């Protein structure tokens, strides 16, 4: 006659305490800039919107994160930035000076000759960016630079 039963086993693993005590090297407490309150997408960030908070960091944890206030101020939030959380660099962009689909005044100046006309922006852009624009009356597409005042400078080729 065969009787079936259960066998309970307790396994105890003994290991060196040094193995469990391994810590990631290069950890440090560091002040990082964080939003004081939640910042919505599209808002240009000022220094008043930021504060400093202590975080335990490693070189790997700092990858892709703003470590200085100057990396954030004056930039536009691509997406919502949470209060008290480090700011990913990928969530920031130069503020848009020209939005796709908007009409802008473009100027061409050379040797005393000045020509201005209205163009339709075919893409978004910030100050200093080269963007494509279309002359609505002729359909000609030109590339031009966005100026500090939001105007467009067409350059000769």
N, C-alpha and C. Protein backbone atom coordinates (compact mmCIF):
# COMPACT_ATOMS: atom_id res chain seq x y z
N UNK A 1 0.83 -1.16 0.00
CA UNK A 1 0.00 0.00 0.00
C UNK A 1 0.88 1.24 0.00
N UNK A 2 0.53 2.21 -0.82
CA UNK A 2 1.32 3.44 -0.94
C UNK A 2 0.53 4.60 -0.39
N UNK A 3 1.14 5.35 0.49
CA UNK A 3 0.48 6.50 1.07
C UNK A 3 1.15 7.77 0.55
N UNK A 4 0.31 8.72 0.10
CA UNK A 4 0.87 9.99 -0.38
C UNK A 4 0.77 11.05 0.70
N UNK A 5 1.79 11.88 0.79
CA UNK A 5 1.78 12.95 1.78
C UNK A 5 2.49 14.18 1.25
N UNK A 6 2.58 15.15 2.07
CA UNK A 6 3.25 16.38 1.69
C UNK A 6 4.56 16.50 2.42
N UNK A 7 5.48 17.08 1.71
CA UNK A 7 6.78 17.33 2.30
C UNK A 7 7.00 18.84 2.30
N UNK A 8 7.27 19.42 3.41
CA UNK A 8 7.55 20.84 3.52
C UNK A 8 9.02 21.00 3.81
N UNK A 9 9.63 21.88 3.03
CA UNK A 9 11.06 22.11 3.23
C UNK A 9 11.31 23.60 3.43
N UNK A 10 12.20 23.91 4.28
CA UNK A 10 12.62 25.29 4.50
C UNK A 10 14.06 25.37 4.03
N UNK A 11 14.29 26.31 3.12
CA UNK A 11 15.63 26.47 2.59
C UNK A 11 16.19 27.76 3.15
N UNK A 12 17.33 27.70 3.74
CA UNK A 12 18.00 28.88 4.28
C UNK A 12 19.28 29.09 3.51
N UNK A 13 19.39 30.27 2.93
CA UNK A 13 20.60 30.59 2.18
C UNK A 13 21.48 31.47 3.04
N UNK A 14 22.68 31.10 3.16
CA UNK A 14 23.64 31.91 3.89
C UNK A 14 24.56 32.58 2.88
N UNK A 15 24.72 33.84 3.05
CA UNK A 15 25.59 34.57 2.14
C UNK A 15 26.36 35.61 2.93
N UNK A 16 27.39 36.03 2.33
CA UNK A 16 28.21 37.04 2.97
C UNK A 16 27.42 38.35 3.08
N UNK A 17 27.48 39.00 4.22
CA UNK A 17 26.75 40.26 4.40
C UNK A 17 27.27 41.35 3.47
N UNK A 18 28.49 41.22 3.01
CA UNK A 18 29.04 42.21 2.07
C UNK A 18 28.30 42.16 0.74
N UNK A 19 27.80 40.98 0.38
CA UNK A 19 27.06 40.86 -0.88
C UNK A 19 25.77 41.66 -0.83
N UNK A 20 25.08 41.65 0.32
CA UNK A 20 23.84 42.39 0.47
C UNK A 20 24.07 43.88 0.66
N UNK A 21 25.22 44.25 1.10
CA UNK A 21 25.50 45.64 1.43
C UNK A 21 26.04 46.45 0.26
N UNK A 22 26.08 45.83 -0.92
CA UNK A 22 26.60 46.58 -2.06
C UNK A 22 25.70 47.77 -2.36
N UNK A 23 26.29 48.90 -2.50
CA UNK A 23 25.53 50.12 -2.83
C UNK A 23 26.04 50.63 -4.17
N UNK A 24 25.17 51.35 -4.85
CA UNK A 24 25.57 51.91 -6.14
C UNK A 24 26.63 52.99 -5.89
N UNK A 25 27.71 52.93 -6.63
CA UNK A 25 28.77 53.90 -6.43
C UNK A 25 28.41 55.22 -7.06
N UNK A 26 28.95 56.29 -6.54
CA UNK A 26 28.74 57.61 -7.11
C UNK A 26 27.46 58.30 -6.65
N UNK A 27 26.80 57.77 -5.63
CA UNK A 27 25.59 58.43 -5.15
C UNK A 27 25.96 59.68 -4.37
N UNK A 28 25.12 60.70 -4.50
CA UNK A 28 25.36 61.95 -3.79
C UNK A 28 24.03 62.67 -3.60
N UNK A 29 23.98 63.51 -2.59
CA UNK A 29 22.82 64.37 -2.39
C UNK A 29 23.10 65.65 -3.18
N UNK A 30 22.14 66.03 -4.03
CA UNK A 30 22.35 67.19 -4.90
C UNK A 30 21.08 68.02 -4.98
N UNK A 31 21.25 69.35 -5.04
CA UNK A 31 20.12 70.26 -5.23
C UNK A 31 19.80 70.32 -6.71
N UNK A 32 18.53 70.11 -7.05
CA UNK A 32 18.08 70.20 -8.43
C UNK A 32 16.94 71.21 -8.53
N UNK A 33 16.85 71.93 -9.65
CA UNK A 33 15.73 72.85 -9.82
C UNK A 33 14.45 72.07 -10.12
N UNK A 34 13.35 72.46 -9.45
CA UNK A 34 12.05 71.82 -9.64
C UNK A 34 10.97 72.90 -9.69
N UNK A 35 9.85 72.65 -10.35
CA UNK A 35 8.75 73.62 -10.35
C UNK A 35 8.16 73.80 -8.95
N UNK A 36 7.83 75.04 -8.61
CA UNK A 36 7.18 75.34 -7.33
C UNK A 36 5.77 74.76 -7.35
N UNK A 37 5.08 74.94 -8.48
CA UNK A 37 3.75 74.37 -8.68
C UNK A 37 3.72 73.75 -10.08
N UNK A 38 2.69 72.99 -10.37
CA UNK A 38 2.60 72.34 -11.68
C UNK A 38 2.57 73.37 -12.79
N UNK A 39 3.40 73.17 -13.81
CA UNK A 39 3.51 74.08 -14.94
C UNK A 39 2.81 73.44 -16.14
N UNK A 40 1.80 74.12 -16.71
CA UNK A 40 1.10 73.53 -17.85
C UNK A 40 1.92 73.58 -19.13
N UNK A 41 1.60 72.70 -20.06
CA UNK A 41 2.28 72.71 -21.37
C UNK A 41 2.03 74.05 -22.04
N UNK A 42 3.07 74.56 -22.70
CA UNK A 42 2.96 75.83 -23.42
C UNK A 42 3.38 77.04 -22.62
N UNK A 43 3.57 76.90 -21.32
CA UNK A 43 3.97 78.05 -20.49
C UNK A 43 5.47 78.27 -20.59
N UNK A 44 5.87 79.55 -20.74
CA UNK A 44 7.28 79.91 -20.71
C UNK A 44 7.67 80.01 -19.24
N UNK A 45 8.76 79.36 -18.87
CA UNK A 45 9.15 79.21 -17.47
C UNK A 45 10.08 80.34 -17.04
N UNK A 46 9.77 80.96 -15.90
CA UNK A 46 10.62 82.01 -15.34
C UNK A 46 11.29 81.46 -14.08
N UNK A 47 12.26 82.20 -13.57
CA UNK A 47 12.96 81.75 -12.36
C UNK A 47 12.03 81.73 -11.15
N UNK A 48 10.96 82.55 -11.17
CA UNK A 48 9.99 82.54 -10.07
C UNK A 48 9.18 81.24 -10.02
N UNK A 49 9.13 80.52 -11.13
CA UNK A 49 8.39 79.25 -11.19
C UNK A 49 9.19 78.08 -10.62
N UNK A 50 10.45 78.33 -10.23
CA UNK A 50 11.34 77.24 -9.81
C UNK A 50 11.85 77.42 -8.39
N UNK A 51 12.19 76.30 -7.79
CA UNK A 51 12.86 76.29 -6.49
C UNK A 51 13.89 75.16 -6.53
N UNK A 52 14.66 75.01 -5.47
CA UNK A 52 15.67 73.95 -5.38
C UNK A 52 15.20 72.90 -4.39
N UNK A 53 15.46 71.63 -4.68
CA UNK A 53 15.10 70.53 -3.78
C UNK A 53 16.22 69.50 -3.79
N UNK A 54 16.46 68.88 -2.62
CA UNK A 54 17.51 67.88 -2.50
C UNK A 54 17.02 66.53 -3.02
N UNK A 55 17.91 65.86 -3.78
CA UNK A 55 17.65 64.52 -4.29
C UNK A 55 18.90 63.68 -4.11
N UNK A 56 18.72 62.39 -3.85
CA UNK A 56 19.85 61.47 -3.88
C UNK A 56 20.02 61.07 -5.34
N UNK A 57 21.20 61.33 -5.88
CA UNK A 57 21.41 61.14 -7.31
C UNK A 57 22.60 60.23 -7.58
N UNK A 58 22.59 59.72 -8.79
CA UNK A 58 23.74 59.00 -9.34
C UNK A 58 24.00 59.63 -10.70
N UNK A 59 25.17 59.40 -11.26
CA UNK A 59 25.40 59.95 -12.60
C UNK A 59 24.34 59.49 -13.60
N UNK A 60 23.88 58.28 -13.46
CA UNK A 60 22.85 57.76 -14.38
C UNK A 60 21.51 58.46 -14.18
N UNK A 61 21.14 58.75 -12.93
CA UNK A 61 19.84 59.39 -12.67
C UNK A 61 19.81 60.84 -13.15
N UNK A 62 20.98 61.46 -13.33
CA UNK A 62 21.04 62.84 -13.79
C UNK A 62 21.01 62.95 -15.31
N UNK A 63 21.12 61.83 -16.00
CA UNK A 63 21.12 61.84 -17.45
C UNK A 63 19.76 62.29 -17.97
N UNK A 64 19.76 63.37 -18.77
CA UNK A 64 18.52 63.86 -19.37
C UNK A 64 17.67 64.71 -18.46
N UNK A 65 18.22 65.13 -17.31
CA UNK A 65 17.48 65.95 -16.35
C UNK A 65 18.19 67.29 -16.20
N UNK A 66 17.40 68.37 -16.10
CA UNK A 66 17.98 69.70 -15.89
C UNK A 66 18.63 69.76 -14.51
N UNK A 67 19.89 70.15 -14.47
CA UNK A 67 20.61 70.22 -13.19
C UNK A 67 20.85 71.66 -12.76
N UNK A 68 20.63 72.60 -13.66
CA UNK A 68 20.82 74.03 -13.36
C UNK A 68 19.56 74.79 -13.74
N UNK A 69 19.23 75.82 -12.97
CA UNK A 69 18.06 76.66 -13.25
C UNK A 69 18.17 77.30 -14.63
N UNK A 70 19.38 77.65 -15.04
CA UNK A 70 19.59 78.32 -16.33
C UNK A 70 19.20 77.42 -17.52
N UNK A 71 19.16 76.11 -17.32
CA UNK A 71 18.75 75.19 -18.39
C UNK A 71 17.23 75.22 -18.61
N UNK A 72 16.50 75.78 -17.64
CA UNK A 72 15.03 75.75 -17.68
C UNK A 72 14.43 77.12 -17.98
N UNK A 73 14.96 78.17 -17.33
CA UNK A 73 14.36 79.49 -17.47
C UNK A 73 14.39 79.98 -18.91
N UNK A 74 13.28 80.59 -19.30
CA UNK A 74 13.15 81.10 -20.66
C UNK A 74 12.70 80.07 -21.66
N UNK A 75 12.61 78.80 -21.25
CA UNK A 75 12.15 77.73 -22.14
C UNK A 75 10.65 77.54 -21.98
N UNK A 76 10.05 76.90 -22.97
CA UNK A 76 8.62 76.59 -22.94
C UNK A 76 8.44 75.12 -22.59
N UNK A 77 7.44 74.83 -21.77
CA UNK A 77 7.15 73.45 -21.39
C UNK A 77 6.44 72.74 -22.54
N UNK A 78 7.00 71.63 -23.01
CA UNK A 78 6.35 70.83 -24.05
C UNK A 78 5.15 70.08 -23.49
N UNK A 79 5.25 69.71 -22.22
CA UNK A 79 4.19 68.97 -21.54
C UNK A 79 4.11 69.46 -20.10
N UNK A 80 3.13 68.99 -19.37
CA UNK A 80 2.93 69.42 -17.99
C UNK A 80 4.13 68.98 -17.13
N UNK A 81 4.63 69.92 -16.33
CA UNK A 81 5.75 69.62 -15.43
C UNK A 81 5.21 69.61 -14.00
N UNK A 82 5.44 68.52 -13.29
CA UNK A 82 4.87 68.36 -11.96
C UNK A 82 5.68 69.09 -10.89
N UNK A 83 4.97 69.66 -9.94
CA UNK A 83 5.60 70.38 -8.83
C UNK A 83 6.50 69.45 -8.04
N UNK A 84 7.70 69.94 -7.69
CA UNK A 84 8.62 69.19 -6.84
C UNK A 84 9.35 68.05 -7.52
N UNK A 85 9.15 67.87 -8.83
CA UNK A 85 9.81 66.78 -9.56
C UNK A 85 10.90 67.34 -10.46
N UNK A 86 12.00 66.61 -10.66
CA UNK A 86 13.04 67.07 -11.58
C UNK A 86 12.46 67.27 -12.99
N UNK A 87 13.05 68.20 -13.73
CA UNK A 87 12.54 68.55 -15.06
C UNK A 87 13.35 67.83 -16.14
N UNK A 88 12.70 66.96 -16.93
CA UNK A 88 13.41 66.31 -18.04
C UNK A 88 13.73 67.34 -19.13
N UNK A 89 14.93 67.29 -19.67
CA UNK A 89 15.31 68.22 -20.74
C UNK A 89 14.44 68.03 -21.98
N UNK A 90 13.95 66.81 -22.18
CA UNK A 90 13.09 66.54 -23.34
C UNK A 90 11.73 67.21 -23.22
N UNK A 91 11.38 67.69 -22.02
CA UNK A 91 10.10 68.36 -21.80
C UNK A 91 10.19 69.87 -22.03
N UNK A 92 11.36 70.34 -22.49
CA UNK A 92 11.58 71.77 -22.70
C UNK A 92 11.88 72.06 -24.16
N UNK A 93 11.51 73.27 -24.60
CA UNK A 93 11.84 73.71 -25.96
C UNK A 93 11.96 75.22 -25.97
N UNK A 94 12.61 75.73 -27.03
CA UNK A 94 12.65 77.18 -27.21
C UNK A 94 11.21 77.66 -27.39
N UNK A 95 10.87 78.83 -26.84
CA UNK A 95 9.51 79.34 -27.03
C UNK A 95 9.25 79.61 -28.52
N UNK A 96 8.04 79.32 -28.95
CA UNK A 96 7.68 79.55 -30.34
C UNK A 96 7.44 81.03 -30.57
N UNK A 97 8.08 81.56 -31.61
CA UNK A 97 7.86 82.95 -32.02
C UNK A 97 6.86 83.00 -33.17
N UNK A 98 6.82 81.92 -33.95
CA UNK A 98 5.91 81.81 -35.09
C UNK A 98 5.26 80.44 -35.04
N UNK A 99 3.93 80.42 -35.18
CA UNK A 99 3.21 79.15 -35.20
C UNK A 99 2.78 78.80 -36.61
N UNK A 100 2.82 77.54 -36.90
CA UNK A 100 2.40 77.03 -38.21
C UNK A 100 1.00 77.53 -38.53
N UNK A 101 0.82 78.01 -39.76
CA UNK A 101 -0.48 78.50 -40.20
C UNK A 101 -0.72 79.98 -39.96
N UNK A 102 0.20 80.65 -39.24
CA UNK A 102 0.02 82.08 -38.99
C UNK A 102 0.61 82.90 -40.14
N UNK A 103 0.04 84.08 -40.34
CA UNK A 103 0.57 84.99 -41.35
C UNK A 103 1.57 85.92 -40.66
N UNK A 104 2.71 86.10 -41.31
CA UNK A 104 3.77 86.94 -40.75
C UNK A 104 4.28 87.89 -41.84
N UNK A 105 4.85 88.99 -41.40
CA UNK A 105 5.45 89.94 -42.33
C UNK A 105 6.90 89.57 -42.53
N UNK A 106 7.27 89.38 -43.78
CA UNK A 106 8.66 89.03 -44.11
C UNK A 106 9.30 90.21 -44.83
N UNK A 107 10.57 90.42 -44.55
CA UNK A 107 11.30 91.53 -45.17
C UNK A 107 12.55 91.01 -45.86
N UNK A 108 12.85 91.64 -46.99
CA UNK A 108 14.10 91.37 -47.70
C UNK A 108 14.79 92.71 -47.85
N UNK A 109 16.00 92.84 -47.34
CA UNK A 109 16.75 94.09 -47.38
C UNK A 109 18.12 93.82 -47.96
N UNK A 110 18.48 94.59 -49.02
CA UNK A 110 19.82 94.47 -49.60
C UNK A 110 20.14 95.75 -50.36
N UNK A 111 21.30 96.32 -50.09
CA UNK A 111 21.79 97.52 -50.78
C UNK A 111 20.74 98.63 -50.89
N UNK A 112 20.07 98.93 -49.78
CA UNK A 112 19.09 100.02 -49.79
C UNK A 112 17.72 99.62 -50.30
N UNK A 113 17.56 98.45 -50.90
CA UNK A 113 16.28 97.96 -51.38
C UNK A 113 15.59 97.21 -50.25
N UNK A 114 14.33 97.53 -49.99
CA UNK A 114 13.58 96.87 -48.93
C UNK A 114 12.23 96.42 -49.48
N UNK A 115 11.94 95.13 -49.36
CA UNK A 115 10.67 94.58 -49.81
C UNK A 115 10.03 93.85 -48.64
N UNK A 116 8.76 94.12 -48.38
CA UNK A 116 8.02 93.44 -47.32
C UNK A 116 6.76 92.84 -47.90
N UNK A 117 6.37 91.68 -47.39
CA UNK A 117 5.16 91.01 -47.84
C UNK A 117 4.65 90.08 -46.75
N UNK A 118 3.40 89.65 -46.87
CA UNK A 118 2.81 88.70 -45.93
C UNK A 118 3.05 87.28 -46.44
N UNK A 119 3.52 86.42 -45.54
CA UNK A 119 3.76 85.02 -45.87
C UNK A 119 3.03 84.14 -44.86
N UNK A 120 2.73 82.93 -45.27
CA UNK A 120 2.07 81.95 -44.41
C UNK A 120 3.12 80.96 -43.90
N UNK A 121 3.23 80.85 -42.56
CA UNK A 121 4.22 79.93 -41.97
C UNK A 121 3.79 78.48 -42.18
N UNK A 122 4.69 77.67 -42.71
CA UNK A 122 4.42 76.26 -42.95
C UNK A 122 4.88 75.37 -41.80
N UNK A 123 5.59 75.97 -40.83
CA UNK A 123 6.05 75.21 -39.66
C UNK A 123 6.25 76.15 -38.48
N UNK A 124 6.29 75.56 -37.29
CA UNK A 124 6.57 76.32 -36.06
C UNK A 124 8.05 76.67 -36.01
N UNK A 125 8.39 77.72 -35.27
CA UNK A 125 9.79 78.05 -35.09
C UNK A 125 10.01 79.04 -33.97
N UNK A 126 11.21 78.99 -33.41
CA UNK A 126 11.62 79.93 -32.38
C UNK A 126 12.60 80.94 -32.97
N UNK A 127 12.96 81.93 -32.18
CA UNK A 127 13.89 82.96 -32.62
C UNK A 127 15.19 82.32 -33.10
N UNK A 128 15.63 82.71 -34.29
CA UNK A 128 16.86 82.20 -34.87
C UNK A 128 16.67 80.97 -35.75
N UNK A 129 15.49 80.36 -35.71
CA UNK A 129 15.24 79.17 -36.54
C UNK A 129 14.98 79.58 -37.99
N UNK A 130 15.36 78.71 -38.90
CA UNK A 130 15.01 78.85 -40.32
C UNK A 130 13.76 78.02 -40.55
N UNK A 131 12.72 78.64 -41.10
CA UNK A 131 11.47 77.92 -41.37
C UNK A 131 11.04 78.14 -42.81
N UNK A 132 10.14 77.30 -43.28
CA UNK A 132 9.57 77.43 -44.62
C UNK A 132 8.28 78.23 -44.54
N UNK A 133 8.11 79.13 -45.51
CA UNK A 133 6.92 79.96 -45.59
C UNK A 133 6.43 80.00 -47.03
N UNK A 134 5.14 80.24 -47.21
CA UNK A 134 4.57 80.30 -48.55
C UNK A 134 4.01 81.70 -48.81
N UNK A 135 4.35 82.24 -49.98
CA UNK A 135 3.75 83.49 -50.43
C UNK A 135 2.35 83.13 -50.89
N UNK A 136 1.33 83.67 -50.23
CA UNK A 136 -0.04 83.27 -50.52
C UNK A 136 -0.52 83.73 -51.89
N UNK A 137 0.06 84.79 -52.44
CA UNK A 137 -0.39 85.26 -53.76
C UNK A 137 0.29 84.52 -54.91
N UNK A 138 1.54 84.09 -54.73
CA UNK A 138 2.25 83.42 -55.83
C UNK A 138 2.43 81.92 -55.60
N UNK A 139 2.30 81.47 -54.35
CA UNK A 139 2.50 80.06 -54.03
C UNK A 139 3.95 79.66 -53.88
N UNK A 140 4.87 80.62 -54.04
CA UNK A 140 6.30 80.33 -53.93
C UNK A 140 6.66 80.07 -52.45
N UNK A 141 7.44 79.03 -52.24
CA UNK A 141 7.89 78.69 -50.88
C UNK A 141 9.31 79.21 -50.70
N UNK A 142 9.52 79.92 -49.58
CA UNK A 142 10.85 80.47 -49.26
C UNK A 142 11.25 80.00 -47.87
N UNK A 143 12.54 79.96 -47.61
CA UNK A 143 13.08 79.69 -46.28
C UNK A 143 13.56 81.01 -45.72
N UNK A 144 13.25 81.26 -44.46
CA UNK A 144 13.62 82.53 -43.84
C UNK A 144 13.91 82.33 -42.36
N UNK A 145 14.61 83.30 -41.78
CA UNK A 145 14.99 83.25 -40.37
C UNK A 145 14.02 84.07 -39.53
N UNK A 146 13.67 83.54 -38.36
CA UNK A 146 12.79 84.25 -37.44
C UNK A 146 13.63 85.22 -36.60
N UNK A 147 13.22 86.48 -36.59
CA UNK A 147 13.94 87.52 -35.85
C UNK A 147 13.41 87.64 -34.43
N UNK A 148 14.15 88.36 -33.60
CA UNK A 148 13.81 88.54 -32.19
C UNK A 148 12.42 89.14 -32.00
N UNK A 149 12.03 90.07 -32.88
CA UNK A 149 10.72 90.73 -32.76
C UNK A 149 9.58 89.90 -33.34
N UNK A 150 9.86 88.68 -33.81
CA UNK A 150 8.84 87.82 -34.39
C UNK A 150 8.69 88.02 -35.89
N UNK A 151 9.42 88.97 -36.44
CA UNK A 151 9.42 89.19 -37.88
C UNK A 151 10.25 88.13 -38.59
N UNK A 152 10.23 88.17 -39.91
CA UNK A 152 10.93 87.17 -40.71
C UNK A 152 11.90 87.88 -41.64
N UNK A 153 13.13 87.39 -41.71
CA UNK A 153 14.14 87.96 -42.61
C UNK A 153 14.46 86.97 -43.71
N UNK A 154 14.12 87.35 -44.95
CA UNK A 154 14.44 86.53 -46.10
C UNK A 154 15.84 86.94 -46.56
N UNK A 155 16.70 85.96 -46.76
CA UNK A 155 18.08 86.25 -47.16
C UNK A 155 18.30 85.83 -48.60
N UNK A 156 19.20 86.53 -49.27
CA UNK A 156 19.52 86.14 -50.65
C UNK A 156 20.38 84.89 -50.63
N UNK A 157 20.25 84.10 -51.68
CA UNK A 157 21.02 82.84 -51.73
C UNK A 157 22.28 83.00 -52.49
